[in-house]
PDB file of N, CA and C in Angstrom:
ATOM      1  N   MET A   1      -9.700   2.093   3.211  1.00  0.00           N
ATOM      2  CA  MET A   1      -8.683   1.431   4.172  1.00  0.00           C
ATOM      3  C   MET A   1      -7.339   2.772   3.528  1.00  0.00           C
ATOM      4  N   LYS A   2      -7.138   2.695   2.169  1.00  0.00           N
ATOM      5  CA  LYS A   2      -5.862   3.978   2.558  1.00  0.00           C
ATOM      6  C   LYS A   2      -6.341   5.339   2.759  1.00  0.00           C
ATOM      7  N   ILE A   3      -7.752   5.649   2.269  1.00  0.00           N
ATOM      8  CA  ILE A   3      -8.326   7.215   2.915  1.00  0.00           C
ATOM      9  C   ILE A   3      -8.338   7.180   4.533  1.00  0.00           C
ATOM     10  N   GLY A   4      -8.600   5.928   4.966  1.00  0.00           N
ATOM     11  CA  GLY A   4      -8.075   6.435   6.612  1.00  0.00           C
ATOM     12  C   GLY A   4      -7.230   6.619   7.026  1.00  0.00           C
ATOM     13  N   GLN A   5      -5.910   5.875   6.663  1.00  0.00           N
ATOM     14  CA  GLN A   5      -4.420   5.827   6.888  1.00  0.00           C
ATOM     15  C   GLN A   5      -3.876   7.558   6.351  1.00  0.00           C
ATOM     16  N   ILE A   6      -4.966   8.034   5.320  1.00  0.00           N
ATOM     17  CA  ILE A   6      -4.427   9.165   5.184  1.00  0.00           C
ATOM     18  C   ILE A   6      -4.787  10.092   6.266  1.00  0.00           C
ATOM     19  N   LEU A   7      -6.240  10.364   6.113  1.00  0.00           N
ATOM     20  CA  LEU A   7      -6.683  10.915   7.524  1.00  0.00           C
ATOM     21  C   LEU A   7      -6.163  10.861   8.725  1.00  0.00           C
ATOM     22  N   SER A   8      -5.547   9.972   9.002  1.00  0.00           N
ATOM     23  CA  SER A   8      -4.873   9.593  10.502  1.00  0.00           C
ATOM     24  C   SER A   8      -3.784  10.612  10.530  1.00  0.00           C
ATOM     25  N   THR A   9      -3.146  10.907   9.377  1.00  0.00           N
ATOM     26  CA  THR A   9      -1.835  12.175   9.162  1.00  0.00           C
ATOM     27  C   THR A   9      -2.476  13.349   9.490  1.00  0.00           C
ATOM     28  N   ARG A  10      -3.501  13.659   9.453  1.00  0.00           N
ATOM     29  CA  ARG A  10      -3.965  15.223   9.324  1.00  0.00           C
ATOM     30  C   ARG A  10      -4.734  15.649  10.301  1.00  0.00           C
ATOM     31  N   PRO A  11      -4.097  16.519  11.084  1.00  0.00           N
ATOM     32  CA  PRO A  11      -4.616  17.305  12.324  1.00  0.00           C
ATOM     33  C   PRO A  11      -5.197  18.379  11.729  1.00  0.00           C
ATOM     34  N   ASP A  12      -5.185  18.616  10.669  1.00  0.00           N
ATOM     35  CA  ASP A  12      -5.957  20.121  10.605  1.00  0.00           C
ATOM     36  C   ASP A  12      -7.365  19.502   9.773  1.00  0.00           C
ATOM     37  N   PHE A  13      -7.570  18.204   9.827  1.00  0.00           N
ATOM     38  CA  PHE A  13      -8.934  18.295   9.591  1.00  0.00           C
ATOM     39  C   PHE A  13      -9.755  17.394  10.260  1.00  0.00           C
ATOM     40  N   VAL A  14      -9.021  16.046  10.862  1.00  0.00           N
ATOM     41  CA  VAL A  14      -9.294  15.492  11.609  1.00  0.00           C
ATOM     42  C   VAL A  14      -8.924  15.387  13.647  1.00  0.00           C
ATOM     43  N   PRO A  15     -10.166  15.504  13.941  1.00  0.00           N
ATOM     44  CA  PRO A  15      -9.964  15.056  15.221  1.00  0.00           C
ATOM     45  C   PRO A  15      -8.755  14.154  16.299  1.00  0.00           C
ATOM     46  N   GLY A  16      -8.154  14.679  17.194  1.00  0.00           N
ATOM     47  CA  GLY A  16      -6.967  13.643  17.456  1.00  0.00           C
ATOM     48  C   GLY A  16      -7.387  11.981  17.762  1.00  0.00           C
ATOM     49  N   TYR A  17      -9.093  12.036  18.410  1.00  0.00           N
ATOM     50  CA  TYR A  17      -9.214  10.783  18.946  1.00  0.00           C
ATOM     51  C   TYR A  17      -9.814  10.033  18.262  1.00  0.00           C
ATOM     52  N   ILE A  18     -10.105  10.684  16.904  1.00  0.00           N
ATOM     53  CA  ILE A  18     -10.228   9.390  15.551  1.00  0.00           C
ATOM     54  C   ILE A  18      -9.288   9.706  14.547  1.00  0.00           C
ATOM     55  N   ARG A  19      -8.269  10.140  14.586  1.00  0.00           N
ATOM     56  CA  ARG A  19      -7.039  10.352  13.926  1.00  0.00           C
ATOM     57  C   ARG A  19      -6.106   8.857  14.922  1.00  0.00           C
ATOM     58  N   GLU A  20      -6.436   8.709  16.074  1.00  0.00           N
ATOM     59  CA  GLU A  20      -5.958   7.605  16.513  1.00  0.00           C
ATOM     60  C   GLU A  20      -6.961   6.153  16.237  1.00  0.00           C
ATOM     61  N   GLU A  21      -7.717   6.163  16.247  1.00  0.00           N
ATOM     62  CA  GLU A  21      -8.631   4.919  15.662  1.00  0.00           C
ATOM     63  C   GLU A  21      -7.517   4.666  14.001  1.00  0.00           C
ATOM     64  N   LEU A  22      -8.249   5.591  13.331  1.00  0.00           N
ATOM     65  CA  LEU A  22      -7.679   5.193  11.918  1.00  0.00           C
ATOM     66  C   LEU A  22      -6.227   5.046  12.285  1.00  0.00           C
ATOM     67  N   ALA A  23      -5.163   5.538  12.979  1.00  0.00           N
ATOM     68  CA  ALA A  23      -3.821   5.101  13.162  1.00  0.00           C
ATOM     69  C   ALA A  23      -3.780   3.370  12.945  1.00  0.00           C
ATOM     70  N   LEU A  24      -4.821   3.119  13.256  1.00  0.00           N
ATOM     71  CA  LEU A  24      -5.146   1.277  13.832  1.00  0.00           C
ATOM     72  C   LEU A  24      -4.800   0.736  12.316  1.00  0.00           C
ATOM     73  N   LEU A  25      -5.335   1.414  11.424  1.00  0.00           N
ATOM     74  CA  LEU A  25      -5.153   0.510   9.948  1.00  0.00           C
ATOM     75  C   LEU A  25      -3.615   0.727   9.573  1.00  0.00           C
ATOM     76  N   THR A  26      -3.072   1.145   9.914  1.00  0.00           N
ATOM     77  CA  THR A  26      -2.042   0.968   9.522  1.00  0.00           C
ATOM     78  C   THR A  26      -0.836   0.179  10.118  1.00  0.00           C
ATOM     79  N   ASP A  27      -1.417  -0.946  11.360  1.00  0.00           N
ATOM     80  CA  ASP A  27      -1.184  -1.307  12.055  1.00  0.00           C
ATOM     81  C   ASP A  27      -1.892  -2.957  12.102  1.00  0.00           C
ATOM     82  N   GLN A  28      -2.568  -3.291  10.591  1.00  0.00           N
ATOM     83  CA  GLN A  28      -3.634  -4.072  11.136  1.00  0.00           C
ATOM     84  C   GLN A  28      -3.411  -5.343   9.677  1.00  0.00           C
ATOM     85  N   ALA A  29      -2.437  -5.315   8.976  1.00  0.00           N
ATOM     86  CA  ALA A  29      -2.751  -5.795   7.663  1.00  0.00           C
ATOM     87  C   ALA A  29      -2.246  -7.157   8.188  1.00  0.00           C
ATOM     88  N   THR A  30      -3.275  -7.998   7.272  1.00  0.00           N
ATOM     89  CA  THR A  30      -3.308  -9.825   7.442  1.00  0.00           C
ATOM     90  C   THR A  30      -1.693  -9.774   6.828  1.00  0.00           C
ATOM     91  N   VAL A  31      -1.012 -10.954   7.123  1.00  0.00           N
ATOM     92  CA  VAL A  31       0.548 -11.499   6.614  1.00  0.00           C
ATOM     93  C   VAL A  31      -0.260 -12.442   5.873  1.00  0.00           C
ATOM     94  N   ARG A  32       0.085 -12.880   4.527  1.00  0.00           N
ATOM     95  CA  ARG A  32      -0.598 -13.651   3.812  1.00  0.00           C
ATOM     96  C   ARG A  32       0.434 -14.535   3.186  1.00  0.00           C
ATOM     97  N   PRO A  33       0.257 -16.249   2.969  1.00  0.00           N
ATOM     98  CA  PRO A  33       1.498 -16.664   2.847  1.00  0.00           C
ATOM     99  C   PRO A  33       1.903 -16.398   1.691  1.00  0.00           C
ATOM    100  N   PHE A  34       3.736 -16.586   1.179  1.00  0.00           N
ATOM    101  CA  PHE A  34       4.478 -16.308   0.283  1.00  0.00           C
ATOM    102  C   PHE A  34       3.470 -16.920  -1.183  1.00  0.00           C
ATOM    103  N   ALA A  35       3.424 -18.312  -0.926  1.00  0.00           N
ATOM    104  CA  ALA A  35       2.509 -18.676  -2.083  1.00  0.00           C
ATOM    105  C   ALA A  35       1.851 -17.834  -2.895  1.00  0.00           C
ATOM    106  N   THR A  36       0.915 -17.027  -2.082  1.00  0.00           N
ATOM    107  CA  THR A  36       0.028 -16.208  -2.601  1.00  0.00           C
ATOM    108  C   THR A  36       0.236 -15.065  -3.451  1.00  0.00           C
ATOM    109  N   PHE A  37       1.855 -14.893  -3.493  1.00  0.00           N
ATOM    110  CA  PHE A  37       2.829 -13.934  -4.381  1.00  0.00           C
ATOM    111  C   PHE A  37       3.287 -13.996  -5.312  1.00  0.00           C
ATOM    112  N   VAL A  38       3.411 -15.446  -5.907  1.00  0.00           N
ATOM    113  CA  VAL A  38       4.306 -16.456  -6.156  1.00  0.00           C
ATOM    114  C   VAL A  38       3.153 -15.802  -8.057  1.00  0.00           C
ATOM    115  N   PRO A  39       2.353 -15.855  -8.284  1.00  0.00           N
ATOM    116  CA  PRO A  39       1.750 -15.345  -9.247  1.00  0.00           C
ATOM    117  C   PRO A  39       1.830 -14.050  -9.580  1.00  0.00           C
ATOM    118  N   THR A  40       1.843 -13.233  -9.023  1.00  0.00           N
ATOM    119  CA  THR A  40       2.348 -11.728  -9.082  1.00  0.00           C
ATOM    120  C   THR A  40       3.906 -11.795  -9.488  1.00  0.00           C
ATOM    121  N   LEU A  41       4.818 -12.484  -8.934  1.00  0.00           N
ATOM    122  CA  LEU A  41       6.127 -12.309  -9.080  1.00  0.00           C
ATOM    123  C   LEU A  41       6.391 -12.736 -10.666  1.00  0.00           C
ATOM    124  N   GLU A  42       5.643 -13.847 -10.796  1.00  0.00           N
ATOM    125  CA  GLU A  42       5.746 -14.605 -12.382  1.00  0.00           C
ATOM    126  C   GLU A  42       5.168 -13.653 -13.298  1.00  0.00           C
ATOM    127  N   ALA A  43       4.169 -12.921 -13.247  1.00  0.00           N
ATOM    128  CA  ALA A  43       3.754 -12.106 -14.021  1.00  0.00           C
ATOM    129  C   ALA A  43       4.457 -11.115 -13.822  1.00  0.00           C
ATOM    130  N   GLU A  44       4.697 -10.403 -13.401  1.00  0.00           N
ATOM    131  CA  GLU A  44       6.682  -9.192 -13.460  1.00  0.00           C
ATOM    132  C   GLU A  44       7.430  -9.471 -13.797  1.00  0.00           C
ATOM    133  N   LEU A  45       8.085 -10.229 -13.344  1.00  0.00           N
ATOM    134  CA  LEU A  45       9.579 -10.509 -13.488  1.00  0.00           C
ATOM    135  C   LEU A  45       9.483 -12.044 -14.381  1.00  0.00           C
ATOM    136  N   GLY A  46       8.650 -13.205 -14.796  1.00  0.00           N
ATOM    137  CA  GLY A  46       8.744 -13.821 -15.966  1.00  0.00           C
ATOM    138  C   GLY A  46       8.527 -15.179 -14.960  1.00  0.00           C
ATOM    139  N   ALA A  47       8.562 -16.207 -15.241  1.00  0.00           N
ATOM    140  CA  ALA A  47       8.798 -17.445 -14.595  1.00  0.00           C
ATOM    141  C   ALA A  47       9.711 -17.898 -14.012  1.00  0.00           C
ATOM    142  N   GLY A  48      11.249 -17.245 -14.809  1.00  0.00           N
ATOM    143  CA  GLY A  48      12.064 -17.582 -13.836  1.00  0.00           C
ATOM    144  C   GLY A  48      12.647 -16.617 -12.710  1.00  0.00           C
ATOM    145  N   TRP A  49      11.858 -16.168 -12.420  1.00  0.00           N
ATOM    146  CA  TRP A  49      12.179 -15.132 -11.290  1.00  0.00           C
ATOM    147  C   TRP A  49      12.886 -15.365 -10.735  1.00  0.00           C
ATOM    148  N   ARG A  50      13.058 -16.542 -10.249  1.00  0.00           N
ATOM    149  CA  ARG A  50      14.027 -17.259  -9.207  1.00  0.00           C
ATOM    150  C   ARG A  50      15.686 -16.831  -9.332  1.00  0.00           C
ATOM    151  N   ASP A  51      15.554 -17.476 -10.309  1.00  0.00           N
ATOM    152  CA  ASP A  51      17.038 -17.128 -11.133  1.00  0.00           C
ATOM    153  C   ASP A  51      17.789 -15.686 -10.826  1.00  0.00           C
ATOM    154  N   SER A  52      16.807 -14.631 -10.568  1.00  0.00           N
ATOM    155  CA  SER A  52      17.479 -13.385 -10.409  1.00  0.00           C
ATOM    156  C   SER A  52      18.216 -13.241  -8.679  1.00  0.00           C
ATOM    157  N   PHE A  53      18.024 -14.085  -7.878  1.00  0.00           N
ATOM    158  CA  PHE A  53      18.394 -14.294  -6.555  1.00  0.00           C
ATOM    159  C   PHE A  53      18.808 -15.374  -6.048  1.00  0.00           C
ATOM    160  N   SER A  54      20.417 -14.940  -4.987  1.00  0.00           N
ATOM    161  CA  SER A  54      20.690 -16.405  -4.815  1.00  0.00           C
ATOM    162  C   SER A  54      20.115 -16.202  -3.476  1.00  0.00           C
ATOM    163  N   SER A  55      19.051 -15.449  -2.565  1.00  0.00           N
ATOM    164  CA  SER A  55      18.340 -15.836  -1.441  1.00  0.00           C
ATOM    165  C   SER A  55      17.406 -14.879  -1.465  1.00  0.00           C
ATOM    166  N   PHE A  56      16.205 -15.565  -1.142  1.00  0.00           N
ATOM    167  CA  PHE A  56      14.959 -14.940  -1.328  1.00  0.00           C
ATOM    168  C   PHE A  56      14.285 -15.284   0.360  1.00  0.00           C
ATOM    169  N   GLU A  57      14.143 -14.724   1.263  1.00  0.00           N
ATOM    170  CA  GLU A  57      13.644 -15.308   2.631  1.00  0.00           C
ATOM    171  C   GLU A  57      12.018 -15.232   2.518  1.00  0.00           C
ATOM    172  N   THR A  58      11.351 -16.049   2.323  1.00  0.00           N
ATOM    173  CA  THR A  58      10.030 -16.334   2.134  1.00  0.00           C
ATOM    174  C   THR A  58       9.556 -16.906   3.141  1.00  0.00           C
ATOM    175  N   GLY A  59       9.651 -17.423   4.103  1.00  0.00           N
ATOM    176  CA  GLY A  59       9.430 -17.440   5.391  1.00  0.00           C
ATOM    177  C   GLY A  59       8.578 -16.643   6.445  1.00  0.00           C
ATOM    178  N   ARG A  60       8.504 -15.126   6.292  1.00  0.00           N
ATOM    179  CA  ARG A  60       7.965 -14.030   6.976  1.00  0.00           C
ATOM    180  C   ARG A  60       8.702 -12.766   6.344  1.00  0.00           C
ATOM    181  N   PRO A  61       7.720 -11.873   5.887  1.00  0.00           N
ATOM    182  CA  PRO A  61       8.115 -10.636   5.531  1.00  0.00           C
ATOM    183  C   PRO A  61       8.472  -9.645   6.424  1.00  0.00           C
ATOM    184  N   LEU A  62       8.834  -8.758   5.811  1.00  0.00           N
ATOM    185  CA  LEU A  62       9.571  -7.921   6.324  1.00  0.00           C
ATOM    186  C   LEU A  62       8.756  -6.973   6.886  1.00  0.00           C
ATOM    187  N   GLY A  63       7.978  -6.786   5.848  1.00  0.00           N
ATOM    188  CA  GLY A  63       6.402  -5.696   6.503  1.00  0.00           C
ATOM    189  C   GLY A  63       5.164  -6.338   5.901  1.00  0.00           C
ATOM    190  N   ALA A  64       4.474  -5.763   6.029  1.00  0.00           N
ATOM    191  CA  ALA A  64       2.977  -6.471   5.880  1.00  0.00           C
ATOM    192  C   ALA A  64       1.711  -5.152   5.443  1.00  0.00           C
ATOM    193  N   ALA A  65       1.574  -4.715   4.952  1.00  0.00           N
ATOM    194  CA  ALA A  65       0.102  -3.164   4.335  1.00  0.00           C
ATOM    195  C   ALA A  65      -0.469  -3.925   3.934  1.00  0.00           C
ATOM    196  N   SER A  66      -1.805  -3.214   3.990  1.00  0.00           N
ATOM    197  CA  SER A  66      -2.577  -3.254   2.889  1.00  0.00           C
ATOM    198  C   SER A  66      -2.603  -3.447   1.242  1.00  0.00           C
ATOM    199  N   LEU A  67      -1.518  -3.113   0.557  1.00  0.00           N
ATOM    200  CA  LEU A  67      -1.494  -3.463  -0.665  1.00  0.00           C
ATOM    201  C   LEU A  67      -0.426  -4.312  -1.002  1.00  0.00           C
ATOM    202  N   ALA A  68       0.951  -4.539  -0.050  1.00  0.00           N
ATOM    203  CA  ALA A  68       2.165  -5.459  -0.477  1.00  0.00           C
ATOM    204  C   ALA A  68       2.538  -5.803   0.786  1.00  0.00           C
ATOM    205  N   GLN A  69       3.452  -6.684   0.463  1.00  0.00           N
ATOM    206  CA  GLN A  69       4.463  -7.228   1.639  1.00  0.00           C
ATOM    207  C   GLN A  69       5.392  -7.174   0.808  1.00  0.00           C
ATOM    208  N   VAL A  70       6.503  -7.003   2.235  1.00  0.00           N
ATOM    209  CA  VAL A  70       8.063  -7.025   1.725  1.00  0.00           C
ATOM    210  C   VAL A  70       8.434  -8.048   2.090  1.00  0.00           C
ATOM    211  N   TYR A  71       9.388  -8.502   1.242  1.00  0.00           N
ATOM    212  CA  TYR A  71      10.724  -9.943   1.344  1.00  0.00           C
ATOM    213  C   TYR A  71      12.140  -8.807   1.389  1.00  0.00           C
ATOM    214  N   ARG A  72      12.892  -9.633   2.024  1.00  0.00           N
ATOM    215  CA  ARG A  72      14.195  -9.252   2.211  1.00  0.00           C
ATOM    216  C   ARG A  72      14.894 -10.468   0.953  1.00  0.00           C
ATOM    217  N   ALA A  73      15.594 -10.089   0.350  1.00  0.00           N
ATOM    218  CA  ALA A  73      16.257 -11.200  -0.687  1.00  0.00           C
ATOM    219  C   ALA A  73      18.140 -10.962  -0.789  1.00  0.00           C
ATOM    220  N   THR A  74      18.526 -11.425  -2.195  1.00  0.00           N
ATOM    221  CA  THR A  74      19.796 -11.173  -2.081  1.00  0.00           C
ATOM    222  C   THR A  74      19.701 -11.258  -3.578  1.00  0.00           C
ATOM    223  N   ARG A  75      20.528 -10.352  -4.658  1.00  0.00           N
ATOM    224  CA  ARG A  75      20.395 -10.561  -5.816  1.00  0.00           C
ATOM    225  C   ARG A  75      21.816 -11.669  -6.249  1.00  0.00           C
ATOM    226  N   ARG A  76      21.385 -11.819  -7.472  1.00  0.00           N
ATOM    227  CA  ARG A  76      22.881 -12.694  -7.669  1.00  0.00           C
ATOM    228  C   ARG A  76      24.187 -12.824  -7.684  1.00  0.00           C
ATOM    229  N   ASP A  77      24.349 -11.040  -7.592  1.00  0.00           N
ATOM    230  CA  ASP A  77      25.357 -10.373  -7.325  1.00  0.00           C
ATOM    231  C   ASP A  77      26.327 -10.161  -6.092  1.00  0.00           C
ATOM    232  N   GLY A  78      25.262 -10.615  -5.362  1.00  0.00           N
ATOM    233  CA  GLY A  78      25.492 -10.496  -3.826  1.00  0.00           C
ATOM    234  C   GLY A  78      24.564  -9.173  -3.116  1.00  0.00           C
ATOM    235  N   THR A  79      24.247  -8.341  -3.618  1.00  0.00           N
ATOM    236  CA  THR A  79      23.703  -7.275  -3.385  1.00  0.00           C
ATOM    237  C   THR A  79      22.547  -7.336  -2.586  1.00  0.00           C
ATOM    238  N   PRO A  80      22.253  -7.006  -1.075  1.00  0.00           N
ATOM    239  CA  PRO A  80      21.028  -7.215  -0.732  1.00  0.00           C
ATOM    240  C   PRO A  80      20.057  -6.664  -1.503  1.00  0.00           C
ATOM    241  N   CYS A  81      18.859  -6.954  -1.255  1.00  0.00           N
ATOM    242  CA  CYS A  81      17.948  -5.896  -1.609  1.00  0.00           C
ATOM    243  C   CYS A  81      16.560  -6.365  -0.538  1.00  0.00           C
ATOM    244  N   VAL A  82      15.077  -5.637  -0.712  1.00  0.00           N
ATOM    245  CA  VAL A  82      14.105  -6.361  -0.375  1.00  0.00           C
ATOM    246  C   VAL A  82      13.440  -6.445  -1.639  1.00  0.00           C
ATOM    247  N   VAL A  83      12.025  -7.044  -1.707  1.00  0.00           N
ATOM    248  CA  VAL A  83      11.359  -6.626  -2.948  1.00  0.00           C
ATOM    249  C   VAL A  83       9.703  -6.651  -2.625  1.00  0.00           C
ATOM    250  N   LYS A  84       9.212  -5.914  -2.791  1.00  0.00           N
ATOM    251  CA  LYS A  84       8.009  -5.513  -2.021  1.00  0.00           C
ATOM    252  C   LYS A  84       7.106  -5.753  -3.293  1.00  0.00           C
ATOM    253  N   ILE A  85       6.201  -6.828  -3.222  1.00  0.00           N
ATOM    254  CA  ILE A  85       5.364  -7.717  -4.024  1.00  0.00           C
ATOM    255  C   ILE A  85       3.738  -7.162  -3.547  1.00  0.00           C
ATOM    256  N   GLN A  86       3.194  -6.545  -4.530  1.00  0.00           N
ATOM    257  CA  GLN A  86       1.629  -6.122  -4.689  1.00  0.00           C
ATOM    258  C   GLN A  86       0.825  -7.110  -4.338  1.00  0.00           C
ATOM    259  N   ARG A  87      -0.617  -7.086  -3.239  1.00  0.00           N
ATOM    260  CA  ARG A  87      -1.018  -8.343  -3.316  1.00  0.00           C
ATOM    261  C   ARG A  87      -2.049  -8.383  -4.004  1.00  0.00           C
ATOM    262  N   PRO A  88      -2.472  -9.907  -4.671  1.00  0.00           N
ATOM    263  CA  PRO A  88      -3.579  -9.629  -6.092  1.00  0.00           C
ATOM    264  C   PRO A  88      -4.435  -9.262  -5.602  1.00  0.00           C
ATOM    265  N   GLY A  89      -4.806  -8.528  -6.939  1.00  0.00           N
ATOM    266  CA  GLY A  89      -6.369  -8.020  -6.963  1.00  0.00           C
ATOM    267  C   GLY A  89      -6.042  -6.667  -6.324  1.00  0.00           C
ATOM    268  N   SER A  90      -5.235  -6.013  -5.612  1.00  0.00           N
ATOM    269  CA  SER A  90      -4.973  -4.715  -4.694  1.00  0.00           C
ATOM    270  C   SER A  90      -4.868  -3.740  -6.084  1.00  0.00           C
ATOM    271  N   GLN A  91      -4.518  -3.697  -7.506  1.00  0.00           N
ATOM    272  CA  GLN A  91      -4.813  -2.708  -8.349  1.00  0.00           C
ATOM    273  C   GLN A  91      -6.433  -2.404  -8.324  1.00  0.00           C
ATOM    274  N   GLY A  92      -7.139  -3.427  -8.669  1.00  0.00           N
ATOM    275  CA  GLY A  92      -8.334  -3.042  -8.984  1.00  0.00           C
ATOM    276  C   GLY A  92      -9.223  -2.292  -7.602  1.00  0.00           C
ATOM    277  N   THR A  93      -8.565  -2.575  -6.222  1.00  0.00           N
ATOM    278  CA  THR A  93      -9.103  -1.667  -5.481  1.00  0.00           C
ATOM    279  C   THR A  93      -8.683  -0.683  -5.226  1.00  0.00           C
ATOM    280  N   VAL A  94      -7.236  -0.241  -5.657  1.00  0.00           N
ATOM    281  CA  VAL A  94      -6.632   0.982  -6.009  1.00  0.00           C
ATOM    282  C   VAL A  94      -7.421   2.057  -6.434  1.00  0.00           C
ATOM    283  N   LEU A  95      -7.649   1.650  -7.647  1.00  0.00           N
ATOM    284  CA  LEU A  95      -8.044   1.931  -8.798  1.00  0.00           C
ATOM    285  C   LEU A  95     -10.263   2.760  -8.568  1.00  0.00           C
ATOM    286  N   GLY A  96     -10.428   1.545  -7.655  1.00  0.00           N
ATOM    287  CA  GLY A  96     -11.907   1.875  -7.062  1.00  0.00           C
ATOM    288  C   GLY A  96     -11.942   3.192  -6.036  1.00  0.00           C
ATOM    289  N   ASP A  97     -10.312   3.123  -5.259  1.00  0.00           N
ATOM    290  CA  ASP A  97     -10.345   3.751  -4.400  1.00  0.00           C
ATOM    291  C   ASP A  97     -10.267   5.565  -4.731  1.00  0.00           C
ATOM    292  N   MET A  98      -9.680   5.271  -6.069  1.00  0.00           N
ATOM    293  CA  MET A  98      -9.453   7.109  -6.222  1.00  0.00           C
ATOM    294  C   MET A  98     -10.642   6.920  -6.768  1.00  0.00           C
ATOM    295  N   ALA A  99     -11.116   6.296  -7.608  1.00  0.00           N
ATOM    296  CA  ALA A  99     -12.404   6.856  -7.993  1.00  0.00           C
ATOM    297  C   ALA A  99     -13.554   7.551  -6.864  1.00  0.00           C
ATOM    298  N   VAL A 100     -13.317   6.782  -6.257  1.00  0.00           N
ATOM    299  CA  VAL A 100     -14.330   7.234  -4.394  1.00  0.00           C
ATOM    300  C   VAL A 100     -13.576   8.675  -4.076  1.00  0.00           C
ATOM    301  N   LEU A 101     -12.639   8.731  -3.892  1.00  0.00           N
ATOM    302  CA  LEU A 101     -11.963   9.848  -3.567  1.00  0.00           C
ATOM    303  C   LEU A 101     -12.048  10.827  -4.588  1.00  0.00           C
ATOM    304  N   ARG A 102     -11.868  10.441  -6.151  1.00  0.00           N
ATOM    305  CA  ARG A 102     -11.686  11.592  -6.642  1.00  0.00           C
ATOM    306  C   ARG A 102     -13.297  12.457  -6.257  1.00  0.00           C
ATOM    307  N   ARG A 103     -14.447  11.363  -6.672  1.00  0.00           N
ATOM    308  CA  ARG A 103     -15.753  12.247  -6.401  1.00  0.00           C
ATOM    309  C   ARG A 103     -15.855  12.476  -4.697  1.00  0.00           C
ATOM    310  N   VAL A 104     -15.095  12.440  -3.687  1.00  0.00           N
ATOM    311  CA  VAL A 104     -15.499  12.549  -2.056  1.00  0.00           C
ATOM    312  C   VAL A 104     -14.640  13.904  -2.263  1.00  0.00           C
ATOM    313  N   SER A 105     -13.662  14.219  -3.191  1.00  0.00           N
ATOM    314  CA  SER A 105     -12.920  15.243  -2.992  1.00  0.00           C
ATOM    315  C   SER A 105     -13.470  16.607  -3.578  1.00  0.00           C
ATOM    316  N   ARG A 106     -14.272  15.969  -4.787  1.00  0.00           N
ATOM    317  CA  ARG A 106     -14.723  17.306  -5.246  1.00  0.00           C
ATOM    318  C   ARG A 106     -15.914  17.603  -4.603  1.00  0.00           C
ATOM    319  N   ILE A 107     -16.674  16.945  -3.823  1.00  0.00           N
ATOM    320  CA  ILE A 107     -17.643  17.257  -2.974  1.00  0.00           C
ATOM    321  C   ILE A 107     -17.127  17.923  -1.472  1.00  0.00           C
ATOM    322  N   LEU A 108     -16.103  17.129  -1.030  1.00  0.00           N
ATOM    323  CA  LEU A 108     -15.656  17.871   0.399  1.00  0.00           C
ATOM    324  C   LEU A 108     -15.280  19.588  -0.383  1.00  0.00           C
ATOM    325  N   GLY A 109     -14.452  19.638  -1.880  1.00  0.00           N
ATOM    326  CA  GLY A 109     -14.109  20.995  -2.198  1.00  0.00           C
ATOM    327  C   GLY A 109     -15.294  21.904  -2.222  1.00  0.00           C
ATOM    328  N   ARG A 110     -16.316  21.301  -2.310  1.00  0.00           N
ATOM    329  CA  ARG A 110     -17.445  22.613  -2.673  1.00  0.00           C
ATOM    330  C   ARG A 110     -17.999  23.013  -1.199  1.00  0.00           C
ATOM    331  N   LEU A 111     -17.857  22.121  -0.660  1.00  0.00           N
ATOM    332  CA  LEU A 111     -18.344  22.505   0.794  1.00  0.00           C
ATOM    333  C   LEU A 111     -17.514  22.730   1.559  1.00  0.00           C
ATOM    334  N   ALA A 112     -15.888  22.477   2.085  1.00  0.00           N
ATOM    335  CA  ALA A 112     -15.148  23.042   2.737  1.00  0.00           C
ATOM    336  C   ALA A 112     -13.908  24.010   1.785  1.00  0.00           C
ATOM    337  N   PRO A 113     -14.162  25.091   1.357  1.00  0.00           N
ATOM    338  CA  PRO A 113     -13.414  25.369   0.028  1.00  0.00           C
ATOM    339  C   PRO A 113     -12.012  25.590   0.645  1.00  0.00           C
ATOM    340  N   ARG A 114     -11.156  25.674   1.906  1.00  0.00           N
ATOM    341  CA  ARG A 114     -10.107  25.634   2.601  1.00  0.00           C
ATOM    342  C   ARG A 114      -9.713  23.833   2.148  1.00  0.00           C
ATOM    343  N   PHE A 115     -10.421  23.421   1.420  1.00  0.00           N
ATOM    344  CA  PHE A 115      -9.726  21.947   1.503  1.00  0.00           C
ATOM    345  C   PHE A 115      -8.960  21.793   0.528  1.00  0.00           C
ATOM    346  N   ASN A 116      -9.423  22.944  -0.432  1.00  0.00           N
ATOM    347  CA  ASN A 116      -8.517  23.002  -1.399  1.00  0.00           C
ATOM    348  C   ASN A 116      -7.865  23.737  -1.750  1.00  0.00           C
ATOM    349  N   GLU A 117      -7.519  24.512  -0.625  1.00  0.00           N
ATOM    350  CA  GLU A 117      -6.164  25.491   0.126  1.00  0.00           C
ATOM    351  C   GLU A 117      -5.117  24.246   0.215  1.00  0.00           C
ATOM    352  N   VAL A 118      -5.443  23.669   0.691  1.00  0.00           N
ATOM    353  CA  VAL A 118      -4.616  22.343   1.574  1.00  0.00           C
ATOM    354  C   VAL A 118      -3.777  20.776   0.443  1.00  0.00           C
ATOM    355  N   VAL A 119      -5.300  20.864  -0.310  1.00  0.00           N
ATOM    356  CA  VAL A 119      -5.295  19.185  -0.665  1.00  0.00           C
ATOM    357  C   VAL A 119      -5.530  19.530  -2.334  1.00  0.00           C
ATOM    358  N   ASP A 120      -4.429  19.148  -3.090  1.00  0.00           N
ATOM    359  CA  ASP A 120      -4.707  19.586  -4.288  1.00  0.00           C
ATOM    360  C   ASP A 120      -5.757  17.948  -5.290  1.00  0.00           C
ATOM    361  N   THR A 121      -6.649  18.680  -5.448  1.00  0.00           N
ATOM    362  CA  THR A 121      -7.934  17.300  -5.482  1.00  0.00           C
ATOM    363  C   THR A 121      -7.527  16.688  -7.286  1.00  0.00           C
ATOM    364  N   GLY A 122      -6.924  17.686  -7.882  1.00  0.00           N
ATOM    365  CA  GLY A 122      -6.482  17.347  -9.103  1.00  0.00           C
ATOM    366  C   GLY A 122      -5.725  16.608  -9.238  1.00  0.00           C
ATOM    367  N   ALA A 123      -4.711  16.625  -8.249  1.00  0.00           N
ATOM    368  CA  ALA A 123      -3.566  15.410  -8.431  1.00  0.00           C
ATOM    369  C   ALA A 123      -4.343  14.480  -7.998  1.00  0.00           C
TER     370      ALA A 123
END
């Protein structure tokens, strides 16, 4: 999914009619219930994560994407903030995607040398 999202922004590599379809990938993330993200919050911030906030709006995320959801919150000192919480299991997905992208970029670099001029495959 992430590769499709990236390609949707590359008019130098992808024709417009394909980019339009790939752009739909940025608009179709499924909103998961907040309870899905509590284990991630506990793993990252500890079991008392709620104590760090005076409010945390869990009813509806500000945004949902393929890798995370974002929620509005207020810190104990009154500072408004947003909290971006990674979807459970997304780390493994990203690492797998990166391995595939690495292989594909090497092949593409050999087949289309211009690709290496535009994209730093090592990075």
